Amino acid sequence: MAQQKPNPSVRLAENGAPSLEELRAQRRERAETNRRVEDLKLRLLRITEQHMDQAVRLIRRWLRAQD
């Protein structure tokens, strides 16, 4: 897994660790990003399936036209 780069916008608590609020905000942002990525994957899959169906229909039409 890729190592995360430190986020300069994260405020550090006195002990040098990010505050609980910052960790929660990062987790929400990461969850939102993950959701958007999954949504995009689904859209891409649907588009790919649709175009594959269109390509198959076109090839079948060409084969019928050659007979």
Protein backbone atom coordinates (compact mmCIF):
# COMPACT_ATOMS: atom_id res chain seq x y z
CA MET A 1 0.00 0.00 0.00
CA ALA A 2 1.27 3.49 -0.80
CA GLN A 3 2.55 5.55 2.04
CA GLN A 4 0.50 8.67 2.72
CA LYS A 5 2.18 12.03 2.52
CA PRO A 6 1.78 14.29 5.53
CA ASN A 7 -1.04 16.76 5.12
CA PRO A 8 0.20 20.27 5.97
CA SER A 9 -3.34 21.42 6.78
CA VAL A 10 -3.60 18.97 9.68
CA ARG A 11 -3.18 20.66 13.02
CA LEU A 12 -1.09 18.65 15.41
CA ALA A 13 -1.99 18.23 19.05
CA GLU A 14 0.56 19.11 21.70
CA ASN A 15 2.07 15.62 21.52
CA GLY A 16 2.65 15.92 17.76
CA ALA A 17 -0.30 13.75 16.70
CA PRO A 18 -3.26 15.02 14.65
CA SER A 19 -6.28 16.05 16.71
CA LEU A 20 -9.30 13.80 16.86
CA GLU A 21 -11.32 16.34 14.86
CA GLU A 22 -8.71 16.35 12.11
CA LEU A 23 -8.61 12.56 12.01
CA ARG A 24 -12.39 12.43 11.70
CA ALA A 25 -12.33 15.04 8.93
CA GLN A 26 -9.67 13.06 7.07
CA ARG A 27 -11.70 9.86 7.45
CA ARG A 28 -14.83 11.59 6.09
CA GLU A 29 -12.87 12.99 3.15
CA ARG A 30 -11.36 9.59 2.42
CA ALA A 31 -14.76 7.91 2.63
CA GLU A 32 -16.24 10.49 0.24
CA THR A 33 -13.35 10.05 -2.18
CA ASN A 34 -13.73 6.26 -2.03
CA ARG A 35 -17.47 6.57 -2.69
CA ARG A 36 -16.86 8.81 -5.70
CA VAL A 37 -14.25 6.38 -7.07
CA GLU A 38 -16.67 3.46 -6.73
CA ASP A 39 -19.42 5.48 -8.44
CA LEU A 40 -17.07 6.27 -11.31
CA LYS A 41 -16.08 2.60 -11.62
CA LEU A 42 -19.75 1.62 -11.90
CA ARG A 43 -20.41 4.28 -14.54
CA LEU A 44 -17.38 3.14 -16.52
CA LEU A 45 -18.52 -0.49 -16.34
CA ARG A 46 -22.01 0.41 -17.56
CA ILE A 47 -20.62 2.50 -20.42
CA THR A 48 -18.23 -0.31 -21.38
CA GLU A 49 -21.03 -2.88 -21.37
CA GLN A 50 -23.24 -0.62 -23.47
CA HIS A 51 -20.54 -0.04 -26.05
CA MET A 52 -19.67 -3.74 -26.13
CA ASP A 53 -23.31 -4.56 -26.84
CA GLN A 54 -23.35 -1.98 -29.64
CA ALA A 55 -20.14 -3.39 -31.11
CA VAL A 56 -21.52 -6.95 -31.06
CA ARG A 57 -24.73 -5.84 -32.80
CA LEU A 58 -22.72 -4.00 -35.45
CA ILE A 59 -20.45 -7.01 -36.09
CA ARG A 60 -23.47 -9.33 -36.36
CA ARG A 61 -25.07 -6.94 -38.84
CA TRP A 62 -21.88 -6.91 -40.93
CA LEU A 63 -21.72 -10.71 -40.88
CA ARG A 64 -25.36 -10.99 -41.97
CA ALA A 65 -24.76 -8.47 -44.75
CA GLN A 66 -21.85 -10.57 -46.08
CA ASP A 67 -24.00 -13.71 -46.37
